[in-house]
């Protein structure tokens, strides 16, 4: 398994479980904890993955993130948010639903 394949598999595991420890992932993939730390660092550059310390800590994926979901790029979302105040009521509601469904952060207030 290449590093890229392992990272994709780790992302799938995290999206399924929502939270896991680096120890469990390292054991599951047969690599060191340091390798998992590096994999998580690389994944966190492109995906909403973060780590926490202490009791209940570990590796998490953002609650609203789903692997199969297609998201807007940041610049696409920002453009739609800038256009939102210029729309009529019905079109604004449609735009809000698009942002809620495909935006990483939903609609900004």
PDB file of N, CA and C in Angstrom:
ATOM      1  N   UNK A   1       0.855  -1.172   0.000  1.00  0.00           N
ATOM      2  CA  UNK A   1       0.000   0.000   0.000  1.00  0.00           C
ATOM      3  C   UNK A   1       0.902   1.236   0.000  1.00  0.00           C
ATOM      4  N   UNK A   2       0.648   2.141  -0.935  1.00  0.00           N
ATOM      5  CA  UNK A   2       1.428   3.369  -0.987  1.00  0.00           C
ATOM      6  C   UNK A   2       0.946   4.340   0.080  1.00  0.00           C
ATOM      7  N   UNK A   3       1.728   5.389   0.331  1.00  0.00           N
ATOM      8  CA  UNK A   3       1.331   6.403   1.311  1.00  0.00           C
ATOM      9  C   UNK A   3       0.014   7.053   0.897  1.00  0.00           C
ATOM     10  N   UNK A   4      -0.153   7.323  -0.375  1.00  0.00           N
ATOM     11  CA  UNK A   4      -1.387   7.933  -0.872  1.00  0.00           C
ATOM     12  C   UNK A   4      -2.589   7.015  -0.653  1.00  0.00           C
ATOM     13  N   UNK A   5      -2.427   5.749  -0.931  1.00  0.00           N
ATOM     14  CA  UNK A   5      -3.507   4.783  -0.710  1.00  0.00           C
ATOM     15  C   UNK A   5      -3.835   4.675   0.778  1.00  0.00           C
ATOM     16  N   UNK A   6      -2.792   4.668   1.611  1.00  0.00           N
ATOM     17  CA  UNK A   6      -3.009   4.590   3.060  1.00  0.00           C
ATOM     18  C   UNK A   6      -3.756   5.828   3.550  1.00  0.00           C
ATOM     19  N   UNK A   7      -3.380   6.991   3.077  1.00  0.00           N
ATOM     20  CA  UNK A   7      -4.056   8.229   3.502  1.00  0.00           C
ATOM     21  C   UNK A   7      -5.519   8.228   3.077  1.00  0.00           C
ATOM     22  N   UNK A   8      -5.796   7.763   1.873  1.00  0.00           N
ATOM     23  CA  UNK A   8      -7.194   7.667   1.441  1.00  0.00           C
ATOM     24  C   UNK A   8      -7.967   6.699   2.326  1.00  0.00           C
ATOM     25  N   UNK A   9      -7.336   5.598   2.686  1.00  0.00           N
ATOM     26  CA  UNK A   9      -7.988   4.618   3.558  1.00  0.00           C
ATOM     27  C   UNK A   9      -8.200   5.194   4.961  1.00  0.00           C
ATOM     28  N   UNK A  10      -7.232   5.949   5.462  1.00  0.00           N
ATOM     29  CA  UNK A  10      -7.367   6.599   6.774  1.00  0.00           C
ATOM     30  C   UNK A  10      -8.525   7.584   6.735  1.00  0.00           C
ATOM     31  N   UNK A  11      -8.621   8.365   5.668  1.00  0.00           N
ATOM     32  CA  UNK A  11      -9.723   9.314   5.528  1.00  0.00           C
ATOM     33  C   UNK A  11     -11.068   8.582   5.537  1.00  0.00           C
ATOM     34  N   UNK A  12     -11.156   7.466   4.847  1.00  0.00           N
ATOM     35  CA  UNK A  12     -12.395   6.683   4.834  1.00  0.00           C
ATOM     36  C   UNK A  12     -12.732   6.176   6.232  1.00  0.00           C
ATOM     37  N   UNK A  13     -11.725   5.684   6.955  1.00  0.00           N
ATOM     38  CA  UNK A  13     -11.935   5.202   8.321  1.00  0.00           C
ATOM     39  C   UNK A  13     -12.433   6.337   9.210  1.00  0.00           C
ATOM     40  N   UNK A  14     -11.793   7.495   9.114  1.00  0.00           N
ATOM     41  CA  UNK A  14     -12.197   8.629   9.955  1.00  0.00           C
ATOM     42  C   UNK A  14     -13.605   9.108   9.620  1.00  0.00           C
ATOM     43  N   UNK A  15     -13.952   9.109   8.347  1.00  0.00           N
ATOM     44  CA  UNK A  15     -15.299   9.536   7.962  1.00  0.00           C
ATOM     45  C   UNK A  15     -16.352   8.553   8.455  1.00  0.00           C
ATOM     46  N   UNK A  16     -15.986   7.311   8.551  1.00  0.00           N
ATOM     47  CA  UNK A  16     -16.910   6.291   9.050  1.00  0.00           C
ATOM     48  C   UNK A  16     -17.023   6.360  10.573  1.00  0.00           C
ATOM     49  N   UNK A  17     -15.893   6.453  11.258  1.00  0.00           N
ATOM     50  CA  UNK A  17     -15.878   6.408  12.728  1.00  0.00           C
ATOM     51  C   UNK A  17     -15.984   7.780  13.382  1.00  0.00           C
ATOM     52  N   UNK A  18     -15.605   8.842  12.673  1.00  0.00           N
ATOM     53  CA  UNK A  18     -15.632  10.233  13.143  1.00  0.00           C
ATOM     54  C   UNK A  18     -14.522  10.564  14.145  1.00  0.00           C
ATOM     55  N   UNK A  19     -13.980   9.583  14.864  1.00  0.00           N
ATOM     56  CA  UNK A  19     -12.934   9.807  15.864  1.00  0.00           C
ATOM     57  C   UNK A  19     -12.144   8.519  16.038  1.00  0.00           C
ATOM     58  N   UNK A  20     -10.844   8.666  16.138  1.00  0.00           N
ATOM     59  CA  UNK A  20     -10.008   7.488  16.361  1.00  0.00           C
ATOM     60  C   UNK A  20      -8.693   7.951  16.974  1.00  0.00           C
ATOM     61  N   UNK A  21      -7.961   7.017  17.578  1.00  0.00           N
ATOM     62  CA  UNK A  21      -6.652   7.348  18.143  1.00  0.00           C
ATOM     63  C   UNK A  21      -5.572   6.999  17.127  1.00  0.00           C
ATOM     64  N   UNK A  22      -4.448   7.684  17.246  1.00  0.00           N
ATOM     65  CA  UNK A  22      -3.353   7.390  16.320  1.00  0.00           C
ATOM     66  C   UNK A  22      -2.824   5.976  16.560  1.00  0.00           C
ATOM     67  N   UNK A  23      -2.876   5.527  17.810  1.00  0.00           N
ATOM     68  CA  UNK A  23      -2.413   4.175  18.122  1.00  0.00           C
ATOM     69  C   UNK A  23      -3.241   3.125  17.384  1.00  0.00           C
ATOM     70  N   UNK A  24      -4.558   3.273  17.417  1.00  0.00           N
ATOM     71  CA  UNK A  24      -5.435   2.317  16.734  1.00  0.00           C
ATOM     72  C   UNK A  24      -5.226   2.332  15.221  1.00  0.00           C
ATOM     73  N   UNK A  25      -5.088   3.536  14.672  1.00  0.00           N
ATOM     74  CA  UNK A  25      -4.886   3.628  13.220  1.00  0.00           C
ATOM     75  C   UNK A  25      -3.532   3.045  12.839  1.00  0.00           C
ATOM     76  N   UNK A  26      -2.501   3.346  13.623  1.00  0.00           N
ATOM     77  CA  UNK A  26      -1.168   2.799  13.345  1.00  0.00           C
ATOM     78  C   UNK A  26      -1.207   1.275  13.366  1.00  0.00           C
ATOM     79  N   UNK A  27      -1.867   0.706  14.363  1.00  0.00           N
ATOM     80  CA  UNK A  27      -1.982  -0.751  14.459  1.00  0.00           C
ATOM     81  C   UNK A  27      -2.753  -1.314  13.263  1.00  0.00           C
ATOM     82  N   UNK A  28      -3.853  -0.665  12.941  1.00  0.00           N
ATOM     83  CA  UNK A  28      -4.705  -1.141  11.849  1.00  0.00           C
ATOM     84  C   UNK A  28      -3.979  -1.144  10.506  1.00  0.00           C
ATOM     85  N   UNK A  29      -3.131  -0.140  10.279  1.00  0.00           N
ATOM     86  CA  UNK A  29      -2.434  -0.036   8.994  1.00  0.00           C
ATOM     87  C   UNK A  29      -1.006  -0.581   9.035  1.00  0.00           C
ATOM     88  N   UNK A  30      -0.568  -1.047  10.200  1.00  0.00           N
ATOM     89  CA  UNK A  30       0.740  -1.662  10.299  1.00  0.00           C
ATOM     90  C   UNK A  30       1.901  -0.704  10.104  1.00  0.00           C
ATOM     91  N   UNK A  31       1.732   0.525  10.580  1.00  0.00           N
ATOM     92  CA  UNK A  31       2.800   1.527  10.487  1.00  0.00           C
ATOM     93  C   UNK A  31       3.010   2.149  11.867  1.00  0.00           C
ATOM     94  N   UNK A  32       4.022   2.995  11.983  1.00  0.00           N
ATOM     95  CA  UNK A  32       4.317   3.624  13.267  1.00  0.00           C
ATOM     96  C   UNK A  32       3.349   4.771  13.556  1.00  0.00           C
ATOM     97  N   UNK A  33       3.279   5.153  14.828  1.00  0.00           N
ATOM     98  CA  UNK A  33       2.451   6.303  15.217  1.00  0.00           C
ATOM     99  C   UNK A  33       2.970   7.572  14.535  1.00  0.00           C
ATOM    100  N   UNK A  34       4.286   7.672  14.379  1.00  0.00           N
ATOM    101  CA  UNK A  34       4.868   8.847  13.717  1.00  0.00           C
ATOM    102  C   UNK A  34       4.411   8.928  12.263  1.00  0.00           C
ATOM    103  N   UNK A  35       4.331   7.791  11.584  1.00  0.00           N
ATOM    104  CA  UNK A  35       3.839   7.773  10.201  1.00  0.00           C
ATOM    105  C   UNK A  35       2.394   8.265  10.152  1.00  0.00           C
ATOM    106  N   UNK A  36       1.584   7.830  11.103  1.00  0.00           N
ATOM    107  CA  UNK A  36       0.193   8.278  11.163  1.00  0.00           C
ATOM    108  C   UNK A  36       0.126   9.776  11.430  1.00  0.00           C
ATOM    109  N   UNK A  37       0.963  10.274  12.321  1.00  0.00           N
ATOM    110  CA  UNK A  37       0.997  11.717  12.593  1.00  0.00           C
ATOM    111  C   UNK A  37       1.298  12.495  11.315  1.00  0.00           C
ATOM    112  N   UNK A  38       2.256  12.014  10.538  1.00  0.00           N
ATOM    113  CA  UNK A  38       2.587  12.673   9.280  1.00  0.00           C
ATOM    114  C   UNK A  38       1.423  12.565   8.291  1.00  0.00           C
ATOM    115  N   UNK A  39       0.810  11.391   8.211  1.00  0.00           N
ATOM    116  CA  UNK A  39      -0.348  11.213   7.325  1.00  0.00           C
ATOM    117  C   UNK A  39      -1.469  12.179   7.697  1.00  0.00           C
ATOM    118  N   UNK A  40      -1.741  12.308   8.994  1.00  0.00           N
ATOM    119  CA  UNK A  40      -2.810  13.205   9.450  1.00  0.00           C
ATOM    120  C   UNK A  40      -2.458  14.656   9.129  1.00  0.00           C
ATOM    121  N   UNK A  41      -1.201  15.010   9.304  1.00  0.00           N
ATOM    122  CA  UNK A  41      -0.758  16.359   8.947  1.00  0.00           C
ATOM    123  C   UNK A  41      -1.022  16.622   7.469  1.00  0.00           C
ATOM    124  N   UNK A  42      -0.664  15.681   6.623  1.00  0.00           N
ATOM    125  CA  UNK A  42      -0.878  15.849   5.181  1.00  0.00           C
ATOM    126  C   UNK A  42      -2.370  15.893   4.839  1.00  0.00           C
ATOM    127  N   UNK A  43      -3.158  15.036   5.452  1.00  0.00           N
ATOM    128  CA  UNK A  43      -4.598  15.031   5.194  1.00  0.00           C
ATOM    129  C   UNK A  43      -5.258  16.323   5.666  1.00  0.00           C
ATOM    130  N   UNK A  44      -4.785  16.857   6.792  1.00  0.00           N
ATOM    131  CA  UNK A  44      -5.402  18.063   7.355  1.00  0.00           C
ATOM    132  C   UNK A  44      -5.194  19.291   6.472  1.00  0.00           C
ATOM    133  N   UNK A  45      -4.275  19.221   5.526  1.00  0.00           N
ATOM    134  CA  UNK A  45      -4.077  20.328   4.590  1.00  0.00           C
ATOM    135  C   UNK A  45      -5.224  20.434   3.590  1.00  0.00           C
ATOM    136  N   UNK A  46      -5.896  19.325   3.324  1.00  0.00           N
ATOM    137  CA  UNK A  46      -6.975  19.298   2.333  1.00  0.00           C
ATOM    138  C   UNK A  46      -8.351  18.938   2.879  1.00  0.00           C
ATOM    139  N   UNK A  47      -8.390  18.417   4.100  1.00  0.00           N
ATOM    140  CA  UNK A  47      -9.653  17.941   4.665  1.00  0.00           C
ATOM    141  C   UNK A  47      -9.809  18.486   6.090  1.00  0.00           C
ATOM    142  N   UNK A  48     -11.058  18.601   6.562  1.00  0.00           N
ATOM    143  CA  UNK A  48     -11.290  19.125   7.919  1.00  0.00           C
ATOM    144  C   UNK A  48     -11.011  18.082   9.002  1.00  0.00           C
ATOM    145  N   UNK A  49      -9.744  17.752   9.147  1.00  0.00           N
ATOM    146  CA  UNK A  49      -9.285  16.782  10.132  1.00  0.00           C
ATOM    147  C   UNK A  49      -8.461  17.528  11.162  1.00  0.00           C
ATOM    148  N   UNK A  50      -8.656  17.204  12.424  1.00  0.00           N
ATOM    149  CA  UNK A  50      -7.908  17.862  13.491  1.00  0.00           C
ATOM    150  C   UNK A  50      -7.640  16.873  14.614  1.00  0.00           C
ATOM    151  N   UNK A  51      -6.699  17.220  15.473  1.00  0.00           N
ATOM    152  CA  UNK A  51      -6.353  16.362  16.604  1.00  0.00           C
ATOM    153  C   UNK A  51      -6.626  17.103  17.903  1.00  0.00           C
ATOM    154  N   UNK A  52      -6.905  16.332  18.950  1.00  0.00           N
ATOM    155  CA  UNK A  52      -7.092  16.889  20.285  1.00  0.00           C
ATOM    156  C   UNK A  52      -6.286  16.061  21.274  1.00  0.00           C
ATOM    157  N   UNK A  53      -5.932  16.679  22.388  1.00  0.00           N
ATOM    158  CA  UNK A  53      -5.138  16.032  23.429  1.00  0.00           C
ATOM    159  C   UNK A  53      -6.036  15.632  24.595  1.00  0.00           C
ATOM    160  N   UNK A  54      -5.518  14.760  25.450  1.00  0.00           N
ATOM    161  CA  UNK A  54      -6.191  14.431  26.702  1.00  0.00           C
ATOM    162  C   UNK A  54      -7.267  13.375  26.578  1.00  0.00           C
ATOM    163  N   UNK A  55      -8.071  13.266  27.638  1.00  0.00           N
ATOM    164  CA  UNK A  55      -9.146  12.287  27.696  1.00  0.00           C
ATOM    165  C   UNK A  55     -10.149  12.564  26.576  1.00  0.00           C
ATOM    166  N   UNK A  56     -10.417  11.571  25.775  1.00  0.00           N
ATOM    167  CA  UNK A  56     -11.315  11.760  24.632  1.00  0.00           C
ATOM    168  C   UNK A  56     -10.609  12.349  23.428  1.00  0.00           C
ATOM    169  N   UNK A  57      -9.306  12.536  23.547  1.00  0.00           N
ATOM    170  CA  UNK A  57      -8.533  13.120  22.457  1.00  0.00           C
ATOM    171  C   UNK A  57      -8.271  12.115  21.358  1.00  0.00           C
ATOM    172  N   UNK A  58      -7.666  12.585  20.321  1.00  0.00           N
ATOM    173  CA  UNK A  58      -7.333  11.728  19.199  1.00  0.00           C
ATOM    174  C   UNK A  58      -7.470  12.488  17.901  1.00  0.00           C
ATOM    175  N   UNK A  59      -7.800  11.765  16.865  1.00  0.00           N
ATOM    176  CA  UNK A  59      -7.940  12.326  15.530  1.00  0.00           C
ATOM    177  C   UNK A  59      -9.428  12.388  15.210  1.00  0.00           C
ATOM    178  N   UNK A  60      -9.862  13.544  14.768  1.00  0.00           N
ATOM    179  CA  UNK A  60     -11.278  13.774  14.490  1.00  0.00           C
ATOM    180  C   UNK A  60     -11.454  14.290  13.065  1.00  0.00           C
ATOM    181  N   UNK A  61     -12.622  14.056  12.530  1.00  0.00           N
ATOM    182  CA  UNK A  61     -13.037  14.681  11.283  1.00  0.00           C
ATOM    183  C   UNK A  61     -14.232  15.563  11.637  1.00  0.00           C
ATOM    184  N   UNK A  62     -14.324  16.738  11.031  1.00  0.00           N
ATOM    185  CA  UNK A  62     -15.399  17.678  11.332  1.00  0.00           C
ATOM    186  C   UNK A  62     -16.757  17.007  11.201  1.00  0.00           C
ATOM    187  N   UNK A  63     -17.660  17.326  12.122  1.00  0.00           N
ATOM    188  CA  UNK A  63     -18.979  16.687  12.169  1.00  0.00           C
ATOM    189  C   UNK A  63     -19.758  16.787  10.866  1.00  0.00           C
ATOM    190  N   UNK A  64     -19.635  17.925  10.177  1.00  0.00           N
ATOM    191  CA  UNK A  64     -20.442  18.130   8.976  1.00  0.00           C
ATOM    192  C   UNK A  64     -19.752  17.650   7.697  1.00  0.00           C
ATOM    193  N   UNK A  65     -18.591  17.025   7.813  1.00  0.00           N
ATOM    194  CA  UNK A  65     -17.878  16.561   6.627  1.00  0.00           C
ATOM    195  C   UNK A  65     -18.238  15.115   6.306  1.00  0.00           C
ATOM    196  N   UNK A  66     -18.546  14.879   5.054  1.00  0.00           N
ATOM    197  CA  UNK A  66     -18.818  13.529   4.560  1.00  0.00           C
ATOM    198  C   UNK A  66     -17.967  13.325   3.319  1.00  0.00           C
ATOM    199  N   UNK A  67     -17.345  12.184   3.225  1.00  0.00           N
ATOM    200  CA  UNK A  67     -16.427  11.895   2.128  1.00  0.00           C
ATOM    201  C   UNK A  67     -17.115  11.937   0.766  1.00  0.00           C
ATOM    202  N   UNK A  68     -18.319  11.419   0.687  1.00  0.00           N
ATOM    203  CA  UNK A  68     -19.003  11.333  -0.598  1.00  0.00           C
ATOM    204  C   UNK A  68     -19.600  12.663  -1.057  1.00  0.00           C
ATOM    205  N   UNK A  69     -19.580  13.656  -0.216  1.00  0.00           N
ATOM    206  CA  UNK A  69     -20.190  14.943  -0.528  1.00  0.00           C
ATOM    207  C   UNK A  69     -19.220  15.830  -1.311  1.00  0.00           C
ATOM    208  N   UNK A  70     -19.715  16.505  -2.320  1.00  0.00           N
ATOM    209  CA  UNK A  70     -18.920  17.450  -3.097  1.00  0.00           C
ATOM    210  C   UNK A  70     -19.093  18.833  -2.494  1.00  0.00           C
ATOM    211  N   UNK A  71     -17.980  19.525  -2.281  1.00  0.00           N
ATOM    212  CA  UNK A  71     -18.018  20.833  -1.645  1.00  0.00           C
ATOM    213  C   UNK A  71     -17.598  21.933  -2.605  1.00  0.00           C
ATOM    214  N   UNK A  72     -18.069  23.137  -2.295  1.00  0.00           N
ATOM    215  CA  UNK A  72     -17.623  24.308  -3.030  1.00  0.00           C
ATOM    216  C   UNK A  72     -16.197  24.632  -2.614  1.00  0.00           C
ATOM    217  N   UNK A  73     -15.421  25.163  -3.546  1.00  0.00           N
ATOM    218  CA  UNK A  73     -14.111  25.689  -3.195  1.00  0.00           C
ATOM    219  C   UNK A  73     -14.345  26.987  -2.432  1.00  0.00           C
ATOM    220  N   UNK A  74     -13.365  27.402  -1.657  1.00  0.00           N
ATOM    221  CA  UNK A  74     -13.497  28.603  -0.826  1.00  0.00           C
ATOM    222  C   UNK A  74     -13.892  29.810  -1.664  1.00  0.00           C
ATOM    223  N   UNK A  75     -13.223  30.011  -2.800  1.00  0.00           N
ATOM    224  CA  UNK A  75     -13.532  31.183  -3.629  1.00  0.00           C
ATOM    225  C   UNK A  75     -14.932  31.096  -4.239  1.00  0.00           C
ATOM    226  N   UNK A  76     -15.415  29.896  -4.528  1.00  0.00           N
ATOM    227  CA  UNK A  76     -16.780  29.728  -5.032  1.00  0.00           C
ATOM    228  C   UNK A  76     -17.790  30.091  -3.950  1.00  0.00           C
ATOM    229  N   UNK A  77     -17.550  29.590  -2.736  1.00  0.00           N
ATOM    230  CA  UNK A  77     -18.456  29.885  -1.631  1.00  0.00           C
ATOM    231  C   UNK A  77     -18.480  31.385  -1.331  1.00  0.00           C
ATOM    232  N   UNK A  78     -17.307  32.010  -1.315  1.00  0.00           N
ATOM    233  CA  UNK A  78     -17.245  33.442  -1.021  1.00  0.00           C
ATOM    234  C   UNK A  78     -17.973  34.263  -2.068  1.00  0.00           C
ATOM    235  N   UNK A  79     -17.879  33.889  -3.342  1.00  0.00           N
ATOM    236  CA  UNK A  79     -18.598  34.592  -4.404  1.00  0.00           C
ATOM    237  C   UNK A  79     -20.105  34.473  -4.206  1.00  0.00           C
ATOM    238  N   UNK A  80     -20.586  33.277  -3.929  1.00  0.00           N
ATOM    239  CA  UNK A  80     -22.021  33.093  -3.720  1.00  0.00           C
ATOM    240  C   UNK A  80     -22.511  33.873  -2.497  1.00  0.00           C
ATOM    241  N   UNK A  81     -21.700  33.924  -1.454  1.00  0.00           N
ATOM    242  CA  UNK A  81     -22.071  34.696  -0.260  1.00  0.00           C
ATOM    243  C   UNK A  81     -22.125  36.192  -0.555  1.00  0.00           C
ATOM    244  N   UNK A  82     -21.225  36.670  -1.426  1.00  0.00           N
ATOM    245  CA  UNK A  82     -21.259  38.096  -1.803  1.00  0.00           C
ATOM    246  C   UNK A  82     -22.488  38.425  -2.650  1.00  0.00           C
ATOM    247  N   UNK A  83     -22.926  37.473  -3.467  1.00  0.00           N
ATOM    248  CA  UNK A  83     -24.092  37.683  -4.328  1.00  0.00           C
ATOM    249  C   UNK A  83     -25.411  37.573  -3.562  1.00  0.00           C
ATOM    250  N   UNK A  84     -25.418  36.857  -2.473  1.00  0.00           N
ATOM    251  CA  UNK A  84     -26.635  36.568  -1.716  1.00  0.00           C
ATOM    252  C   UNK A  84     -27.461  37.808  -1.368  1.00  0.00           C
ATOM    253  N   UNK A  85     -26.878  38.892  -0.838  1.00  0.00           N
ATOM    254  CA  UNK A  85     -27.696  40.062  -0.475  1.00  0.00           C
ATOM    255  C   UNK A  85     -28.366  40.754  -1.669  1.00  0.00           C
ATOM    256  N   UNK A  86     -27.898  40.498  -2.870  1.00  0.00           N
ATOM    257  CA  UNK A  86     -28.434  41.151  -4.069  1.00  0.00           C
ATOM    258  C   UNK A  86     -29.609  40.389  -4.680  1.00  0.00           C
ATOM    259  N   UNK A  87     -29.912  39.221  -4.131  1.00  0.00           N
ATOM    260  CA  UNK A  87     -30.964  38.373  -4.691  1.00  0.00           C
ATOM    261  C   UNK A  87     -32.320  38.682  -4.077  1.00  0.00           C
ATOM    262  N   UNK A  88     -33.357  38.364  -4.844  1.00  0.00           N
ATOM    263  CA  UNK A  88     -34.710  38.450  -4.317  1.00  0.00           C
ATOM    264  C   UNK A  88     -34.925  37.359  -3.272  1.00  0.00           C
ATOM    265  N   UNK A  89     -36.063  37.433  -2.563  1.00  0.00           N
ATOM    266  CA  UNK A  89     -36.322  36.522  -1.448  1.00  0.00           C
ATOM    267  C   UNK A  89     -36.271  35.049  -1.860  1.00  0.00           C
ATOM    268  N   UNK A  90     -36.968  34.676  -2.927  1.00  0.00           N
ATOM    269  CA  UNK A  90     -36.995  33.273  -3.348  1.00  0.00           C
ATOM    270  C   UNK A  90     -35.618  32.799  -3.812  1.00  0.00           C
ATOM    271  N   UNK A  91     -34.947  33.626  -4.622  1.00  0.00           N
ATOM    272  CA  UNK A  91     -33.611  33.253  -5.089  1.00  0.00           C
ATOM    273  C   UNK A  91     -32.623  33.182  -3.926  1.00  0.00           C
ATOM    274  N   UNK A  92     -32.775  34.050  -2.944  1.00  0.00           N
ATOM    275  CA  UNK A  92     -31.901  34.034  -1.770  1.00  0.00           C
ATOM    276  C   UNK A  92     -32.074  32.739  -0.986  1.00  0.00           C
ATOM    277  N   UNK A  93     -33.305  32.263  -0.881  1.00  0.00           N
ATOM    278  CA  UNK A  93     -33.546  30.998  -0.177  1.00  0.00           C
ATOM    279  C   UNK A  93     -32.902  29.825  -0.917  1.00  0.00           C
ATOM    280  N   UNK A  94     -32.980  29.845  -2.251  1.00  0.00           N
ATOM    281  CA  UNK A  94     -32.336  28.795  -3.039  1.00  0.00           C
ATOM    282  C   UNK A  94     -30.823  28.861  -2.852  1.00  0.00           C
ATOM    283  N   UNK A  95     -30.261  30.080  -2.890  1.00  0.00           N
ATOM    284  CA  UNK A  95     -28.825  30.249  -2.710  1.00  0.00           C
ATOM    285  C   UNK A  95     -28.394  29.771  -1.326  1.00  0.00           C
ATOM    286  N   UNK A  96     -29.176  30.070  -0.308  1.00  0.00           N
ATOM    287  CA  UNK A  96     -28.851  29.611   1.049  1.00  0.00           C
ATOM    288  C   UNK A  96     -28.845  28.091   1.120  1.00  0.00           C
ATOM    289  N   UNK A  97     -29.789  27.458   0.421  1.00  0.00           N
ATOM    290  CA  UNK A  97     -29.827  25.996   0.443  1.00  0.00           C
ATOM    291  C   UNK A  97     -28.612  25.403  -0.280  1.00  0.00           C
ATOM    292  N   UNK A  98     -28.166  26.051  -1.339  1.00  0.00           N
ATOM    293  CA  UNK A  98     -26.959  25.601  -2.039  1.00  0.00           C
ATOM    294  C   UNK A  98     -25.745  25.730  -1.124  1.00  0.00           C
ATOM    295  N   UNK A  99     -25.631  26.868  -0.455  1.00  0.00           N
ATOM    296  CA  UNK A  99     -24.504  27.079   0.458  1.00  0.00           C
ATOM    297  C   UNK A  99     -24.532  26.109   1.630  1.00  0.00           C
ATOM    298  N   UNK A 100     -25.737  25.840   2.134  1.00  0.00           N
ATOM    299  CA  UNK A 100     -25.850  24.906   3.258  1.00  0.00           C
ATOM    300  C   UNK A 100     -25.479  23.486   2.834  1.00  0.00           C
ATOM    301  N   UNK A 101     -25.899  23.101   1.638  1.00  0.00           N
ATOM    302  CA  UNK A 101     -25.648  21.747   1.155  1.00  0.00           C
ATOM    303  C   UNK A 101     -24.204  21.538   0.707  1.00  0.00           C
ATOM    304  N   UNK A 102     -23.636  22.513   0.008  1.00  0.00           N
ATOM    305  CA  UNK A 102     -22.332  22.314  -0.622  1.00  0.00           C
ATOM    306  C   UNK A 102     -21.205  23.164  -0.034  1.00  0.00           C
ATOM    307  N   UNK A 103     -21.527  24.095   0.857  1.00  0.00           N
ATOM    308  CA  UNK A 103     -20.489  24.914   1.468  1.00  0.00           C
ATOM    309  C   UNK A 103     -19.873  24.200   2.650  1.00  0.00           C
ATOM    310  N   UNK A 104     -18.591  24.391   2.853  1.00  0.00           N
ATOM    311  CA  UNK A 104     -17.906  23.751   3.982  1.00  0.00           C
ATOM    312  C   UNK A 104     -18.399  24.281   5.308  1.00  0.00           C
ATOM    313  N   UNK A 105     -18.800  25.549   5.346  1.00  0.00           N
ATOM    314  CA  UNK A 105     -19.213  26.143   6.609  1.00  0.00           C
ATOM    315  C   UNK A 105     -20.674  26.581   6.600  1.00  0.00           C
ATOM    316  N   UNK A 106     -21.436  26.175   5.600  1.00  0.00           N
ATOM    317  CA  UNK A 106     -22.809  26.633   5.519  1.00  0.00           C
ATOM    318  C   UNK A 106     -22.847  28.090   5.100  1.00  0.00           C
ATOM    319  N   UNK A 107     -23.859  28.822   5.499  1.00  0.00           N
ATOM    320  CA  UNK A 107     -24.003  30.226   5.140  1.00  0.00           C
ATOM    321  C   UNK A 107     -23.428  31.084   6.245  1.00  0.00           C
ATOM    322  N   UNK A 108     -22.563  32.030   5.884  1.00  0.00           N
ATOM    323  CA  UNK A 108     -22.043  32.972   6.866  1.00  0.00           C
ATOM    324  C   UNK A 108     -23.113  33.999   7.170  1.00  0.00           C
ATOM    325  N   UNK A 109     -23.134  34.431   8.414  1.00  0.00           N
ATOM    326  CA  UNK A 109     -24.137  35.443   8.825  1.00  0.00           C
ATOM    327  C   UNK A 109     -23.685  36.824   8.407  1.00  0.00           C
TER     328      UNK A 109
END
